């Protein structure tokens, strides 16, 4: 992980190179506020950066990141709900994309009840957070076991579908989806390939975007 001094070097490159090119964009965002059309719910994993993957400028994505890109059901009183509410009711985003990824530590922790040969954290937070994938885990283990790469990938993709299903438990999300004002999408980013797979609604399968 970069030390803070190295981060400051990156900041200075940003100030010298990137910011001048985006100065008008930032001025507009300051004057007129943010108006992103798309919300992305993705993992906190340091290898998965939505803005870089989709190559977009500041102000184009409203991003929420957490372990395994999870959305608990409506009424659970979690911070994800406040972000979804803000994005849907105030920013009026047109789409919400849930993006999982390969080699996800949160999904692996849920699948194997540990991570990298270690038990889950002593604070219990990881265990409590990933426990919501219990039913997903049971289905994956029944079909694939718990130790293979195939099982982990199935878990990662199933977690995306789980979060989309939970988004539909938000009454005002479902209302907008039914009216056509909001679209829910799923995606999976393969770290090993550097490739994106989109969830096809009709088939329930993830299809390569090339």
Protein backbone atom coordinates (compact mmCIF):
# COMPACT_ATOMS: atom_id res chain seq x y z
CA UNK A 1 0.00 0.00 0.00
CA UNK A 2 1.40 3.45 -0.87
CA UNK A 3 2.64 5.51 2.03
CA UNK A 4 1.05 8.92 2.49
CA UNK A 5 4.09 10.66 1.00
CA UNK A 6 3.62 8.63 -2.17
CA UNK A 7 -0.06 9.57 -2.23
CA UNK A 8 0.93 13.22 -2.06
CA UNK A 9 3.19 12.71 -5.06
CA UNK A 10 0.16 11.34 -6.91
CA UNK A 11 -1.88 14.32 -5.76
CA UNK A 12 0.74 16.69 -7.17
CA UNK A 13 0.61 14.86 -10.52
CA UNK A 14 -3.15 15.28 -10.41
CA UNK A 15 -2.82 19.00 -9.72
CA UNK A 16 -0.27 19.48 -12.50
CA UNK A 17 -1.68 17.18 -15.18
CA UNK A 18 -5.24 16.00 -14.61
CA UNK A 19 -6.87 18.92 -12.81
CA UNK A 20 -6.09 21.57 -15.46
CA UNK A 21 -7.77 19.40 -18.09
CA UNK A 22 -10.80 18.91 -15.84
CA UNK A 23 -10.92 22.41 -14.38
CA UNK A 24 -14.06 23.43 -16.28
CA UNK A 25 -15.71 20.15 -15.32
CA UNK A 26 -15.02 20.75 -11.63
CA UNK A 27 -16.24 24.35 -11.93
CA UNK A 28 -19.51 23.11 -13.39
CA UNK A 29 -19.87 20.50 -10.63
CA UNK A 30 -19.33 23.19 -8.01
CA UNK A 31 -21.76 25.65 -9.60
CA UNK A 32 -24.49 23.25 -10.64
CA UNK A 33 -24.01 20.31 -8.30
CA UNK A 34 -23.74 16.65 -9.19
CA UNK A 35 -26.19 15.00 -11.55
CA UNK A 36 -24.96 11.44 -12.10
CA UNK A 37 -27.29 9.18 -14.05
CA UNK A 38 -25.83 5.96 -12.68
CA UNK A 39 -25.23 4.58 -9.19
CA UNK A 40 -22.63 1.84 -8.79
CA UNK A 41 -22.57 -0.47 -5.78
CA UNK A 42 -19.22 -2.22 -5.78
CA UNK A 43 -16.72 -3.89 -3.49
CA UNK A 44 -14.22 -2.03 -1.31
CA UNK A 45 -11.45 -4.19 -2.80
CA UNK A 46 -8.50 -1.96 -3.74
CA UNK A 47 -8.22 -3.68 -7.13
CA UNK A 48 -11.71 -2.74 -8.27
CA UNK A 49 -12.14 0.97 -9.00
CA UNK A 50 -15.39 1.71 -10.88
CA UNK A 51 -14.33 5.08 -12.30
CA UNK A 52 -11.18 3.55 -13.74
CA UNK A 53 -12.91 0.43 -15.08
CA UNK A 54 -15.54 2.53 -16.86
CA UNK A 55 -13.14 5.38 -17.71
CA UNK A 56 -15.42 8.21 -16.61
CA UNK A 57 -14.88 11.75 -15.37
CA UNK A 58 -15.75 13.09 -11.90
CA UNK A 59 -19.48 13.60 -11.42
CA UNK A 60 -20.59 10.75 -13.69
CA UNK A 61 -20.94 7.95 -11.13
CA UNK A 62 -22.46 7.91 -7.64
CA UNK A 63 -20.48 5.12 -6.00
CA UNK A 64 -21.03 3.11 -2.83
CA UNK A 65 -18.39 0.55 -1.89
CA UNK A 66 -18.49 -2.07 0.82
CA UNK A 67 -17.27 -5.60 1.46
CA UNK A 68 -18.59 -7.84 -1.35
CA UNK A 69 -20.81 -5.07 -2.83
CA UNK A 70 -23.74 -6.17 -0.66
CA UNK A 71 -27.16 -4.59 -0.31
CA UNK A 72 -29.08 -5.78 2.78
CA UNK A 73 -32.88 -5.83 2.49
CA UNK A 74 -35.00 -2.74 3.09
CA UNK A 75 -35.57 -1.92 6.76
CA UNK A 76 -32.25 -3.29 7.99
CA UNK A 77 -31.09 0.20 8.96
CA UNK A 78 -27.74 0.17 7.17
CA UNK A 79 -25.66 2.88 5.50
CA UNK A 80 -26.22 1.38 2.04
CA UNK A 81 -29.91 2.21 2.38
CA UNK A 82 -29.18 5.89 2.94
CA UNK A 83 -26.99 5.98 -0.15
CA UNK A 84 -29.62 4.22 -2.28
CA UNK A 85 -32.30 6.57 -0.96
CA UNK A 86 -30.19 9.61 -1.74
CA UNK A 87 -29.32 8.36 -5.22
CA UNK A 88 -32.86 7.37 -6.18
CA UNK A 89 -34.97 10.03 -4.49
CA UNK A 90 -32.71 13.07 -4.58
CA UNK A 91 -30.20 12.56 -7.41
CA UNK A 92 -32.82 10.67 -9.44
CA UNK A 93 -30.33 8.28 -11.01
CA UNK A 94 -31.64 6.29 -13.96
CA UNK A 95 -29.77 3.07 -13.26
CA UNK A 96 -28.25 1.19 -10.34
CA UNK A 97 -25.43 -1.21 -11.18
CA UNK A 98 -24.33 -3.85 -8.67
CA UNK A 99 -20.82 -4.95 -9.65
CA UNK A 100 -19.15 -7.98 -8.13
CA UNK A 101 -15.63 -9.12 -8.98
CA UNK A 102 -13.25 -12.05 -9.08
CA UNK A 103 -11.17 -13.07 -6.06
CA UNK A 104 -13.57 -11.28 -3.73
CA UNK A 105 -12.40 -11.61 -0.14
CA UNK A 106 -15.86 -10.98 1.31
CA UNK A 107 -17.44 -13.73 -0.77
CA UNK A 108 -14.59 -16.07 0.10
CA UNK A 109 -14.99 -15.28 3.79
CA UNK A 110 -18.66 -16.16 3.60
CA UNK A 111 -18.08 -19.29 1.52
CA UNK A 112 -15.29 -20.78 3.63
CA UNK A 113 -15.99 -19.09 7.00
CA UNK A 114 -12.48 -17.71 6.94
CA UNK A 115 -9.99 -15.96 4.70
CA UNK A 116 -6.47 -16.82 3.60
CA UNK A 117 -6.27 -19.58 6.19
CA UNK A 118 -7.35 -17.27 9.00
CA UNK A 119 -10.65 -17.19 10.91
CA UNK A 120 -12.94 -14.22 10.43
CA UNK A 121 -12.01 -11.00 12.25
CA UNK A 122 -12.09 -10.82 16.02
CA UNK A 123 -14.47 -7.88 15.99
CA UNK A 124 -17.17 -9.98 14.37
CA UNK A 125 -18.01 -7.31 11.79
CA UNK A 126 -16.97 -9.31 8.73
CA UNK A 127 -18.85 -12.35 10.00
CA UNK A 128 -21.99 -10.31 10.70
CA UNK A 129 -21.86 -8.51 7.36
CA UNK A 130 -21.27 -11.59 5.19
CA UNK A 131 -23.82 -13.66 7.14
CA UNK A 132 -26.51 -12.19 4.90
CA UNK A 133 -25.14 -14.43 2.16
CA UNK A 134 -26.04 -17.55 4.14
CA UNK A 135 -28.73 -18.81 1.78
CA UNK A 136 -26.56 -17.98 -1.23
CA UNK A 137 -23.65 -19.89 0.32
CA UNK A 138 -25.79 -22.96 0.96
CA UNK A 139 -26.88 -23.08 -2.66
CA UNK A 140 -23.36 -22.66 -3.99
CA UNK A 141 -21.92 -25.33 -1.68
CA UNK A 142 -24.66 -27.76 -2.64
CA UNK A 143 -23.72 -27.42 -6.30
CA UNK A 144 -19.99 -26.66 -6.28
CA UNK A 145 -18.59 -27.37 -2.81
CA UNK A 146 -16.67 -24.65 -1.01
CA UNK A 147 -13.00 -24.97 -1.93
CA UNK A 148 -12.74 -24.63 -5.72
CA UNK A 149 -12.25 -21.55 -7.88
CA UNK A 150 -15.50 -22.53 -9.58
CA UNK A 151 -17.32 -22.34 -6.24
CA UNK A 152 -15.88 -18.91 -5.45
CA UNK A 153 -16.85 -17.52 -8.86
CA UNK A 154 -20.36 -18.93 -8.47
CA UNK A 155 -20.54 -17.28 -5.05
CA UNK A 156 -19.37 -13.93 -6.41
CA UNK A 157 -21.94 -13.94 -9.19
CA UNK A 158 -24.74 -15.18 -6.92
CA UNK A 159 -23.96 -12.34 -4.50
CA UNK A 160 -24.66 -9.82 -7.27
CA UNK A 161 -28.08 -11.36 -7.89
CA UNK A 162 -28.71 -11.39 -4.12
CA UNK A 163 -28.04 -7.65 -3.85
CA UNK A 164 -30.26 -6.86 -6.85
CA UNK A 165 -33.08 -8.89 -5.28
CA UNK A 166 -32.65 -6.93 -2.04
CA UNK A 167 -32.79 -3.64 -3.95
CA UNK A 168 -36.23 -4.71 -5.12
CA UNK A 169 -37.32 -4.87 -1.47
CA UNK A 170 -37.04 -1.06 -1.30
CA UNK A 171 -40.61 0.08 -2.09
CA UNK A 172 -39.60 3.28 -3.83
CA UNK A 173 -36.98 1.43 -5.89
CA UNK A 174 -39.56 -1.11 -7.07
CA UNK A 175 -42.03 1.70 -7.83
CA UNK A 176 -39.52 3.44 -10.09
CA UNK A 177 -38.46 0.18 -11.72
CA UNK A 178 -42.08 -0.64 -12.53
CA UNK A 179 -42.69 2.83 -13.96
CA UNK A 180 -39.59 2.59 -16.15
CA UNK A 181 -37.82 5.47 -14.38
CA UNK A 182 -35.13 3.21 -12.92
CA UNK A 183 -33.21 0.19 -14.22
CA UNK A 184 -31.38 -2.35 -12.04
CA UNK A 185 -28.32 -4.00 -13.55
CA UNK A 186 -25.72 -6.52 -12.49
CA UNK A 187 -22.12 -6.97 -13.59
CA UNK A 188 -19.04 -8.99 -12.72
CA UNK A 189 -15.46 -7.81 -13.24
CA UNK A 190 -12.90 -10.56 -13.74
CA UNK A 191 -9.58 -9.47 -12.30
CA UNK A 192 -7.64 -12.21 -14.06
CA UNK A 193 -9.01 -11.22 -17.46
CA UNK A 194 -9.55 -7.50 -16.97
CA UNK A 195 -12.97 -8.19 -18.47
CA UNK A 196 -16.54 -7.18 -17.61
CA UNK A 197 -19.53 -9.51 -17.69
CA UNK A 198 -23.07 -8.11 -17.66
CA UNK A 199 -26.02 -9.92 -16.12
CA UNK A 200 -28.60 -10.82 -18.76
CA UNK A 201 -32.07 -10.44 -17.29
CA UNK A 202 -33.71 -12.99 -19.53
CA UNK A 203 -31.26 -15.85 -19.00
CA UNK A 204 -29.90 -14.95 -15.58
CA UNK A 205 -26.40 -15.55 -16.96
CA UNK A 206 -23.39 -13.22 -17.06
CA UNK A 207 -22.40 -12.34 -20.62
CA UNK A 208 -18.98 -11.05 -21.65
CA UNK A 209 -18.77 -7.47 -22.88
CA UNK A 210 -15.57 -8.31 -24.76
